[in-house]
C-alpha atoms as a PDB file:
ATOM      1  CA  UNK A   1     -97.087-111.001  27.275  1.00  0.00           C
ATOM      2  CA  UNK A   2    -101.204-109.562  27.039  1.00  0.00           C
ATOM      3  CA  UNK A   3    -101.879-106.751  24.485  1.00  0.00           C
ATOM      4  CA  UNK A   4    -102.475-104.741  27.963  1.00  0.00           C
ATOM      5  CA  UNK A   5     -98.484-105.312  28.860  1.00  0.00           C
ATOM      6  CA  UNK A   6     -97.182-105.075  25.190  1.00  0.00           C
ATOM      7  CA  UNK A   7     -98.791-101.712  24.582  1.00  0.00           C
ATOM      8  CA  UNK A   8     -97.554-100.085  28.145  1.00  0.00           C
ATOM      9  CA  UNK A   9     -94.142-101.118  27.081  1.00  0.00           C
ATOM     10  CA  UNK A  10     -94.924 -99.401  23.671  1.00  0.00           C
ATOM     11  CA  UNK A  11     -96.227 -96.385  25.375  1.00  0.00           C
ATOM     12  CA  UNK A  12     -93.110 -96.266  28.172  1.00  0.00           C
ATOM     13  CA  UNK A  13     -90.715 -96.305  24.992  1.00  0.00           C
ATOM     14  CA  UNK A  14     -92.783 -93.738  23.297  1.00  0.00           C
ATOM     15  CA  UNK A  15     -92.692 -90.883  26.039  1.00  0.00           C
ATOM     16  CA  UNK A  16     -88.503 -91.370  26.724  1.00  0.00           C
ATOM     17  CA  UNK A  17     -88.339 -89.434  23.400  1.00  0.00           C
ATOM     18  CA  UNK A  18     -90.887 -86.542  24.340  1.00  0.00           C
ATOM     19  CA  UNK A  19     -88.752 -84.141  26.725  1.00  0.00           C
ATOM     20  CA  UNK A  20     -86.654 -83.201  23.595  1.00  0.00           C
ATOM     21  CA  UNK A  21     -89.268 -83.069  21.561  1.00  0.00           C
ATOM     22  CA  UNK A  22     -90.692 -80.627  23.719  1.00  0.00           C
ATOM     23  CA  UNK A  23     -87.804 -78.750  24.975  1.00  0.00           C
ATOM     24  CA  UNK A  24     -84.657 -76.621  24.183  1.00  0.00           C
ATOM     25  CA  UNK A  25     -81.483 -77.399  25.556  1.00  0.00           C
ATOM     26  CA  UNK A  26     -81.956 -75.357  28.783  1.00  0.00           C
ATOM     27  CA  UNK A  27     -84.979 -77.237  29.299  1.00  0.00           C
ATOM     28  CA  UNK A  28     -87.329 -74.610  28.565  1.00  0.00           C
ATOM     29  CA  UNK A  29     -90.862 -75.034  26.246  1.00  0.00           C
ATOM     30  CA  UNK A  30     -90.170 -74.819  22.778  1.00  0.00           C
ATOM     31  CA  UNK A  31     -93.278 -73.101  22.159  1.00  0.00           C
ATOM     32  CA  UNK A  32     -92.800 -69.454  23.370  1.00  0.00           C
ATOM     33  CA  UNK A  33     -96.700 -68.156  22.851  1.00  0.00           C
ATOM     34  CA  UNK A  34     -98.599 -67.750  19.916  1.00  0.00           C
ATOM     35  CA  UNK A  35     -98.518 -65.607  16.163  1.00  0.00           C
ATOM     36  CA  UNK A  36    -100.588 -63.277  14.343  1.00  0.00           C
ATOM     37  CA  UNK A  37    -100.128 -62.334  10.368  1.00  0.00           C
ATOM     38  CA  UNK A  38     -97.911 -59.754  11.298  1.00  0.00           C
ATOM     39  CA  UNK A  39     -95.781 -61.466  12.668  1.00  0.00           C
ATOM     40  CA  UNK A  40     -96.200 -60.610  16.523  1.00  0.00           C
ATOM     41  CA  UNK A  41     -95.613 -63.125  19.063  1.00  0.00           C
ATOM     42  CA  UNK A  42     -97.734 -63.191  22.154  1.00  0.00           C
ATOM     43  CA  UNK A  43     -96.738 -64.869  25.683  1.00  0.00           C
ATOM     44  CA  UNK A  44     -99.273 -67.441  26.652  1.00  0.00           C
ATOM     45  CA  UNK A  45    -100.285 -67.894  29.839  1.00  0.00           C
ATOM     46  CA  UNK A  46     -99.038 -70.320  32.594  1.00  0.00           C
ATOM     47  CA  UNK A  47    -102.736 -71.149  33.116  1.00  0.00           C
ATOM     48  CA  UNK A  48    -102.569 -75.062  33.816  1.00  0.00           C
ATOM     49  CA  UNK A  49    -105.548 -75.058  31.258  1.00  0.00           C
ATOM     50  CA  UNK A  50    -104.217 -73.409  28.387  1.00  0.00           C
ATOM     51  CA  UNK A  51    -100.642 -75.266  28.854  1.00  0.00           C
ATOM     52  CA  UNK A  52    -102.593 -78.524  29.260  1.00  0.00           C
ATOM     53  CA  UNK A  53    -104.171 -78.162  25.219  1.00  0.00           C
ATOM     54  CA  UNK A  54    -101.105 -76.608  24.421  1.00  0.00           C
ATOM     55  CA  UNK A  55     -99.077 -79.234  24.614  1.00  0.00           C
ATOM     56  CA  UNK A  56    -101.863 -81.928  23.409  1.00  0.00           C
ATOM     57  CA  UNK A  57    -101.603 -80.108  20.704  1.00  0.00           C
ATOM     58  CA  UNK A  58     -97.861 -79.711  20.117  1.00  0.00           C
ATOM     59  CA  UNK A  59     -97.403 -83.381  21.150  1.00  0.00           C
ATOM     60  CA  UNK A  60    -100.619 -84.576  18.881  1.00  0.00           C
ATOM     61  CA  UNK A  61     -98.485 -85.572  15.238  1.00  0.00           C
ATOM     62  CA  UNK A  62     -96.004 -87.287  17.400  1.00  0.00           C
ATOM     63  CA  UNK A  63     -98.677 -89.495  19.162  1.00  0.00           C
ATOM     64  CA  UNK A  64    -100.706 -89.930  15.858  1.00  0.00           C
ATOM     65  CA  UNK A  65     -97.676 -91.436  14.247  1.00  0.00           C
ATOM     66  CA  UNK A  66     -96.290 -93.697  17.635  1.00  0.00           C
ATOM     67  CA  UNK A  67    -100.335 -95.153  16.805  1.00  0.00           C
ATOM     68  CA  UNK A  68     -99.556 -96.177  13.781  1.00  0.00           C
ATOM     69  CA  UNK A  69     -96.288 -97.744  13.819  1.00  0.00           C
ATOM     70  CA  UNK A  70     -97.980-100.203  16.773  1.00  0.00           C
ATOM     71  CA  UNK A  71    -100.419-100.878  14.346  1.00  0.00           C
ATOM     72  CA  UNK A  72    -103.726 -98.513  16.134  1.00  0.00           C
ATOM     73  CA  UNK A  73    -105.418 -95.772  15.176  1.00  0.00           C
ATOM     74  CA  UNK A  74    -106.841 -93.220  16.696  1.00  0.00           C
ATOM     75  CA  UNK A  75    -109.998 -91.757  18.221  1.00  0.00           C
ATOM     76  CA  UNK A  76    -110.607 -88.425  19.773  1.00  0.00           C
ATOM     77  CA  UNK A  77    -113.091 -87.448  21.741  1.00  0.00           C
ATOM     78  CA  UNK A  78    -115.999 -85.934  20.076  1.00  0.00           C
ATOM     79  CA  UNK A  79    -116.705 -83.751  22.879  1.00  0.00           C
ATOM     80  CA  UNK A  80    -114.433 -81.189  25.431  1.00  0.00           C
ATOM     81  CA  UNK A  81    -115.852 -83.195  28.462  1.00  0.00           C
ATOM     82  CA  UNK A  82    -115.719 -86.623  27.448  1.00  0.00           C
ATOM     83  CA  UNK A  83    -113.673 -89.327  28.322  1.00  0.00           C
ATOM     84  CA  UNK A  84    -110.483 -90.212  27.838  1.00  0.00           C
ATOM     85  CA  UNK A  85    -108.861 -87.615  25.387  1.00  0.00           C
ATOM     86  CA  UNK A  86    -107.682 -90.585  23.165  1.00  0.00           C
ATOM     87  CA  UNK A  87    -108.755 -94.192  22.097  1.00  0.00           C
ATOM     88  CA  UNK A  88    -105.984 -96.071  20.886  1.00  0.00           C
ATOM     89  CA  UNK A  89    -108.173 -98.781  18.659  1.00  0.00           C
ATOM     90  CA  UNK A  90    -106.183-101.719  17.153  1.00  0.00           C
ATOM     91  CA  UNK A  91    -106.401-101.588  13.380  1.00  0.00           C
ATOM     92  CA  UNK A  92    -106.856-105.172  12.436  1.00  0.00           C
ATOM     93  CA  UNK A  93    -109.184-105.850  15.639  1.00  0.00           C
ATOM     94  CA  UNK A  94    -111.382-103.265  16.827  1.00  0.00           C
ATOM     95  CA  UNK A  95    -112.448-104.909  20.105  1.00  0.00           C
ATOM     96  CA  UNK A  96    -108.983-103.660  21.487  1.00  0.00           C
ATOM     97  CA  UNK A  97    -109.257-100.130  22.379  1.00  0.00           C
ATOM     98  CA  UNK A  98    -106.878 -98.745  25.316  1.00  0.00           C
ATOM     99  CA  UNK A  99    -108.316 -95.558  26.288  1.00  0.00           C
ATOM    100  CA  UNK A 100    -105.060 -92.371  26.916  1.00  0.00           C
ATOM    101  CA  UNK A 101    -105.882 -89.214  28.793  1.00  0.00           C
ATOM    102  CA  UNK A 102    -103.505 -86.487  29.300  1.00  0.00           C
ATOM    103  CA  UNK A 103    -102.656 -85.562  32.488  1.00  0.00           C
ATOM    104  CA  UNK A 104    -100.294 -82.631  32.985  1.00  0.00           C
ATOM    105  CA  UNK A 105     -99.584 -80.669  36.446  1.00  0.00           C
ATOM    106  CA  UNK A 106     -97.219 -78.611  38.100  1.00  0.00           C
ATOM    107  CA  UNK A 107     -94.577 -79.381  40.707  1.00  0.00           C
ATOM    108  CA  UNK A 108     -94.979 -77.586  44.165  1.00  0.00           C
ATOM    109  CA  UNK A 109     -91.840 -74.951  44.265  1.00  0.00           C
ATOM    110  CA  UNK A 110     -91.535 -74.994  47.749  1.00  0.00           C
ATOM    111  CA  UNK A 111     -92.061 -78.448  47.886  1.00  0.00           C
ATOM    112  CA  UNK A 112     -90.409 -79.875  44.403  1.00  0.00           C
ATOM    113  CA  UNK A 113     -91.230 -83.777  45.546  1.00  0.00           C
ATOM    114  CA  UNK A 114     -94.901 -83.229  45.485  1.00  0.00           C
ATOM    115  CA  UNK A 115     -96.629 -81.598  42.221  1.00  0.00           C
ATOM    116  CA  UNK A 116    -100.193 -80.286  42.783  1.00  0.00           C
ATOM    117  CA  UNK A 117    -102.352 -83.226  41.597  1.00  0.00           C
ATOM    118  CA  UNK A 118    -105.048 -84.050  39.171  1.00  0.00           C
ATOM    119  CA  UNK A 119    -107.800 -85.380  38.720  1.00  0.00           C
ATOM    120  CA  UNK A 120    -108.195 -88.803  36.947  1.00  0.00           C
ATOM    121  CA  UNK A 121    -112.223 -89.010  35.221  1.00  0.00           C
ATOM    122  CA  UNK A 122    -114.832 -89.473  36.751  1.00  0.00           C
ATOM    123  CA  UNK A 123    -116.093 -92.212  38.864  1.00  0.00           C
ATOM    124  CA  UNK A 124    -120.289 -91.046  37.864  1.00  0.00           C
ATOM    125  CA  UNK A 125    -122.338 -92.693  35.153  1.00  0.00           C
ATOM    126  CA  UNK A 126    -120.041 -94.548  33.000  1.00  0.00           C
ATOM    127  CA  UNK A 127    -117.426 -95.455  35.631  1.00  0.00           C
ATOM    128  CA  UNK A 128    -120.417 -97.480  37.670  1.00  0.00           C
ATOM    129  CA  UNK A 129    -122.490 -98.189  34.274  1.00  0.00           C
ATOM    130  CA  UNK A 130    -120.046 -99.607  32.059  1.00  0.00           C
ATOM    131  CA  UNK A 131    -121.813 -99.804  29.128  1.00  0.00           C
ATOM    132  CA  UNK A 132    -122.693 -96.614  29.200  1.00  0.00           C
ATOM    133  CA  UNK A 133    -121.576 -94.047  26.636  1.00  0.00           C
ATOM    134  CA  UNK A 134    -122.513 -90.743  28.547  1.00  0.00           C
ATOM    135  CA  UNK A 135    -119.609 -88.553  28.105  1.00  0.00           C
ATOM    136  CA  UNK A 136    -117.431 -91.486  26.756  1.00  0.00           C
ATOM    137  CA  UNK A 137    -116.193 -92.285  23.455  1.00  0.00           C
ATOM    138  CA  UNK A 138    -116.793 -96.367  23.978  1.00  0.00           C
ATOM    139  CA  UNK A 139    -118.143 -97.494  26.916  1.00  0.00           C
ATOM    140  CA  UNK A 140    -115.596 -98.555  29.820  1.00  0.00           C
ATOM    141  CA  UNK A 141    -115.636-101.733  29.756  1.00  0.00           C
ATOM    142  CA  UNK A 142    -114.734-101.871  26.076  1.00  0.00           C
ATOM    143  CA  UNK A 143    -111.038-100.646  27.134  1.00  0.00           C
ATOM    144  CA  UNK A 144    -108.368-103.231  27.729  1.00  0.00           C
ATOM    145  CA  UNK A 145    -106.945-100.516  29.963  1.00  0.00           C
ATOM    146  CA  UNK A 146    -107.431 -96.843  31.231  1.00  0.00           C
ATOM    147  CA  UNK A 147    -103.706 -95.230  31.104  1.00  0.00           C
ATOM    148  CA  UNK A 148    -101.916 -91.336  31.792  1.00  0.00           C
ATOM    149  CA  UNK A 149     -99.660 -89.505  29.904  1.00  0.00           C
ATOM    150  CA  UNK A 150     -98.507 -87.549  32.602  1.00  0.00           C
ATOM    151  CA  UNK A 151     -96.357 -84.329  32.144  1.00  0.00           C
ATOM    152  CA  UNK A 152     -94.741 -82.612  35.120  1.00  0.00           C
ATOM    153  CA  UNK A 153     -92.886 -79.536  34.697  1.00  0.00           C
ATOM    154  CA  UNK A 154     -92.105 -76.404  36.379  1.00  0.00           C
ATOM    155  CA  UNK A 155     -93.863 -72.841  36.394  1.00  0.00           C
ATOM    156  CA  UNK A 156     -91.625 -70.349  35.475  1.00  0.00           C
ATOM    157  CA  UNK A 157     -91.314 -67.521  38.077  1.00  0.00           C
ATOM    158  CA  UNK A 158     -93.869 -64.991  37.379  1.00  0.00           C
ATOM    159  CA  UNK A 159     -91.661 -61.813  37.546  1.00  0.00           C
ATOM    160  CA  UNK A 160     -89.773 -63.173  33.718  1.00  0.00           C
ATOM    161  CA  UNK A 161     -92.940 -63.276  31.843  1.00  0.00           C
ATOM    162  CA  UNK A 162     -94.837 -60.333  30.933  1.00  0.00           C
ATOM    163  CA  UNK A 163     -98.136 -61.273  29.098  1.00  0.00           C
ATOM    164  CA  UNK A 164     -98.670 -57.909  28.411  1.00  0.00           C
ATOM    165  CA  UNK A 165     -95.664 -57.843  25.694  1.00  0.00           C
ATOM    166  CA  UNK A 166     -96.124 -58.282  22.267  1.00  0.00           C
ATOM    167  CA  UNK A 167     -93.086 -59.423  20.950  1.00  0.00           C
ATOM    168  CA  UNK A 168     -91.599 -59.328  17.006  1.00  0.00           C
ATOM    169  CA  UNK A 169     -90.341 -62.922  15.513  1.00  0.00           C
ATOM    170  CA  UNK A 170     -86.511 -61.835  16.043  1.00  0.00           C
ATOM    171  CA  UNK A 171     -86.705 -61.979  19.608  1.00  0.00           C
ATOM    172  CA  UNK A 172     -88.143 -65.461  19.715  1.00  0.00           C
ATOM    173  CA  UNK A 173     -85.108 -66.684  21.331  1.00  0.00           C
ATOM    174  CA  UNK A 174     -84.885 -64.135  24.712  1.00  0.00           C
ATOM    175  CA  UNK A 175     -88.827 -65.032  25.329  1.00  0.00           C
ATOM    176  CA  UNK A 176     -88.825 -67.020  28.479  1.00  0.00           C
ATOM    177  CA  UNK A 177     -91.208 -69.870  28.313  1.00  0.00           C
ATOM    178  CA  UNK A 178     -94.079 -70.232  30.893  1.00  0.00           C
ATOM    179  CA  UNK A 179     -92.924 -73.484  31.594  1.00  0.00           C
ATOM    180  CA  UNK A 180     -89.878 -75.757  31.908  1.00  0.00           C
ATOM    181  CA  UNK A 181     -88.000 -79.144  33.069  1.00  0.00           C
ATOM    182  CA  UNK A 182     -90.223 -81.875  31.990  1.00  0.00           C
ATOM    183  CA  UNK A 183     -90.740 -85.136  33.223  1.00  0.00           C
ATOM    184  CA  UNK A 184     -93.156 -87.437  31.284  1.00  0.00           C
ATOM    185  CA  UNK A 185     -94.356 -90.417  32.876  1.00  0.00           C
ATOM    186  CA  UNK A 186     -96.912 -93.362  32.057  1.00  0.00           C
ATOM    187  CA  UNK A 187     -99.141 -94.788  34.183  1.00  0.00           C
ATOM    188  CA  UNK A 188    -102.431 -97.570  34.770  1.00  0.00           C
ATOM    189  CA  UNK A 189    -104.534 -94.512  35.965  1.00  0.00           C
ATOM    190  CA  UNK A 190    -105.875 -97.337  38.859  1.00  0.00           C
ATOM    191  CA  UNK A 191    -102.024 -97.194  40.445  1.00  0.00           C
ATOM    192  CA  UNK A 192    -102.158 -93.515  40.788  1.00  0.00           C
ATOM    193  CA  UNK A 193    -105.181 -92.399  42.400  1.00  0.00           C
ATOM    194  CA  UNK A 194    -105.702 -91.887  45.962  1.00  0.00           C
ATOM    195  CA  UNK A 195    -108.844 -92.321  47.814  1.00  0.00           C
ATOM    196  CA  UNK A 196    -110.118 -88.352  48.026  1.00  0.00           C
ATOM    197  CA  UNK A 197    -111.870 -86.614  44.725  1.00  0.00           C
ATOM    198  CA  UNK A 198    -109.779 -84.597  42.390  1.00  0.00           C
ATOM    199  CA  UNK A 199    -111.628 -81.136  42.485  1.00  0.00           C
ATOM    200  CA  UNK A 200    -114.438 -79.183  43.910  1.00  0.00           C
ATOM    201  CA  UNK A 201    -117.543 -80.611  43.981  1.00  0.00           C
ATOM    202  CA  UNK A 202    -117.665 -82.790  40.423  1.00  0.00           C
ATOM    203  CA  UNK A 203    -118.035 -86.751  40.924  1.00  0.00           C
ATOM    204  CA  UNK A 204    -114.200 -86.618  39.923  1.00  0.00           C
ATOM    205  CA  UNK A 205    -111.379 -89.299  41.384  1.00  0.00           C
ATOM    206  CA  UNK A 206    -108.417 -87.746  42.306  1.00  0.00           C
ATOM    207  CA  UNK A 207    -104.164 -88.403  42.274  1.00  0.00           C
ATOM    208  CA  UNK A 208    -101.638 -88.947  44.774  1.00  0.00           C
ATOM    209  CA  UNK A 209     -98.685 -85.826  44.979  1.00  0.00           C
ATOM    210  CA  UNK A 210     -95.705 -87.486  45.741  1.00  0.00           C
ATOM    211  CA  UNK A 211     -93.999 -87.090  42.280  1.00  0.00           C
ATOM    212  CA  UNK A 212     -91.267 -90.279  43.229  1.00  0.00           C
ATOM    213  CA  UNK A 213     -94.535 -92.848  43.640  1.00  0.00           C
ATOM    214  CA  UNK A 214     -96.674 -91.419  40.925  1.00  0.00           C
ATOM    215  CA  UNK A 215     -93.675 -92.291  38.094  1.00  0.00           C
ATOM    216  CA  UNK A 216     -93.358 -95.823  39.773  1.00  0.00           C
ATOM    217  CA  UNK A 217     -97.162 -95.898  40.139  1.00  0.00           C
ATOM    218  CA  UNK A 218     -97.242 -96.923  43.908  1.00  0.00           C
ATOM    219  CA  UNK A 219    -100.543 -94.772  44.463  1.00  0.00           C
ATOM    220  CA  UNK A 220    -103.126 -96.173  47.239  1.00  0.00           C
ATOM    221  CA  UNK A 221    -104.238 -99.065  45.577  1.00  0.00           C
ATOM    222  CA  UNK A 222    -101.158-100.288  43.633  1.00  0.00           C
ATOM    223  CA  UNK A 223    -100.613-103.324  46.248  1.00  0.00           C
ATOM    224  CA  UNK A 224    -104.663-104.133  46.450  1.00  0.00           C
ATOM    225  CA  UNK A 225    -105.463-104.083  42.779  1.00  0.00           C
ATOM    226  CA  UNK A 226    -107.415-102.554  40.182  1.00  0.00           C
ATOM    227  CA  UNK A 227    -110.709-104.279  41.542  1.00  0.00           C
ATOM    228  CA  UNK A 228    -110.371-102.620  44.910  1.00  0.00           C
ATOM    229  CA  UNK A 229    -109.581 -99.042  43.071  1.00  0.00           C
ATOM    230  CA  UNK A 230    -113.393 -99.966  40.826  1.00  0.00           C
ATOM    231  CA  UNK A 231    -115.476-101.220  43.641  1.00  0.00           C
ATOM    232  CA  UNK A 232    -113.956 -97.872  45.931  1.00  0.00           C
ATOM    233  CA  UNK A 233    -114.667 -95.589  43.470  1.00  0.00           C
ATOM    234  CA  UNK A 234    -118.671 -97.239  42.117  1.00  0.00           C
ATOM    235  CA  UNK A 235    -119.319 -96.876  46.217  1.00  0.00           C
ATOM    236  CA  UNK A 236    -117.347 -93.641  47.315  1.00  0.00           C
ATOM    237  CA  UNK A 237    -119.659 -91.570  49.941  1.00  0.00           C
ATOM    238  CA  UNK A 238    -122.472 -94.221  49.109  1.00  0.00           C
ATOM    239  CA  UNK A 239    -121.993 -97.005  52.619  1.00  0.00           C
ATOM    240  CA  UNK A 240    -122.990 -95.675  55.550  1.00  0.00           C
ATOM    241  CA  UNK A 241    -121.559 -96.923  58.524  1.00  0.00           C
ATOM    242  CA  UNK A 242    -121.230 -96.138  62.659  1.00  0.00           C
ATOM    243  CA  UNK A 243    -118.854 -93.367  63.572  1.00  0.00           C
ATOM    244  CA  UNK A 244    -118.319 -94.513  66.893  1.00  0.00           C
ATOM    245  CA  UNK A 245    -119.994 -91.618  68.509  1.00  0.00           C
ATOM    246  CA  UNK A 246    -123.477 -92.837  67.986  1.00  0.00           C
ATOM    247  CA  UNK A 247    -124.035 -91.525  64.716  1.00  0.00           C
ATOM    248  CA  UNK A 248    -123.121 -92.614  61.467  1.00  0.00           C
ATOM    249  CA  UNK A 249    -120.894 -91.748  58.462  1.00  0.00           C
ATOM    250  CA  UNK A 250    -120.400 -92.314  54.913  1.00  0.00           C
ATOM    251  CA  UNK A 251    -117.525 -94.303  53.811  1.00  0.00           C
ATOM    252  CA  UNK A 252    -114.962 -91.776  51.997  1.00  0.00           C
ATOM    253  CA  UNK A 253    -111.074 -93.102  52.949  1.00  0.00           C
ATOM    254  CA  UNK A 254    -109.797 -96.578  51.724  1.00  0.00           C
ATOM    255  CA  UNK A 255    -109.445 -97.975  55.036  1.00  0.00           C
ATOM    256  CA  UNK A 256    -112.855 -97.565  56.425  1.00  0.00           C
ATOM    257  CA  UNK A 257    -113.988 -99.712  53.278  1.00  0.00           C
ATOM    258  CA  UNK A 258    -110.834-101.994  53.023  1.00  0.00           C
ATOM    259  CA  UNK A 259    -112.204-102.632  56.733  1.00  0.00           C
ATOM    260  CA  UNK A 260    -115.908-102.591  55.624  1.00  0.00           C
ATOM    261  CA  UNK A 261    -115.475-105.638  52.825  1.00  0.00           C
ATOM    262  CA  UNK A 262    -112.904-107.523  55.378  1.00  0.00           C
ATOM    263  CA  UNK A 263    -110.165-106.843  53.337  1.00  0.00           C
ATOM    264  CA  UNK A 264    -106.785-106.534  54.545  1.00  0.00           C
ATOM    265  CA  UNK A 265    -105.814-103.554  55.518  1.00  0.00           C
ATOM    266  CA  UNK A 266    -102.565-103.423  55.699  1.00  0.00           C
ATOM    267  CA  UNK A 267    -102.460-102.919  51.592  1.00  0.00           C
ATOM    268  CA  UNK A 268    -103.668 -99.708  51.737  1.00  0.00           C
ATOM    269  CA  UNK A 269    -100.497 -97.428  50.525  1.00  0.00           C
ATOM    270  CA  UNK A 270    -100.409 -94.003  52.485  1.00  0.00           C
ATOM    271  CA  UNK A 271     -99.717 -90.855  50.765  1.00  0.00           C
ATOM    272  CA  UNK A 272     -96.190 -89.966  51.149  1.00  0.00           C
ATOM    273  CA  UNK A 273     -96.525 -85.993  51.380  1.00  0.00           C
ATOM    274  CA  UNK A 274     -94.011 -85.306  53.650  1.00  0.00           C
ATOM    275  CA  UNK A 275     -90.057 -85.379  52.988  1.00  0.00           C
END
């Protein structure tokens, strides 16, 4: 087995422990809010960024212990916007590094087989220039693999959460959690990528949305391979082709790109957002 396969196998075993670590028996998140010195508890918001950050903090001691148990040390991103969240560096051979990014998202309440999706990092400077140290902890090419530690959850019904209410510590058990029903997964980021940008106008790679396909790593590039993922996102919206109507357009779909490069278009895995 390669170092990457060994690391991936260890990471997959590790995430099996995490659901019980963060959840009560009824599936609700163990974290109920934050506490002040007077023992008042304030409910946290269901805002994705807040939930994501607190989950990271909640899981960190567990991750640290896991890293040590497999002979790695953990290097955290020095700045908030740096990639990745965590760099795993092999203790006895520091040239072996793995990038692990936390990815949290919630199920679509109307279509629970879909989730809200998430971004998989930038396809800008450090992705194109793989020796660059701009906005990245170590150069992209120095990582032996790029993984997502993903967390999919249900958001609590808004009616059960009152963010304005302050609770006493003896009411702890009766406070509703803002999220519940966690599902943890590990995936290499290229395996769960879509061919569309992830958020607004920033240069982010988007994920697929079908939860079963995310868990099994069946993204749009999963049959083509990582090299196609790299090439597509390095060239996203940069190649001009004829649009068939007498004008031109930039390539912004994987099918167009694979056809342009004379690849096998039948290997493109279409997104499954239906039932």
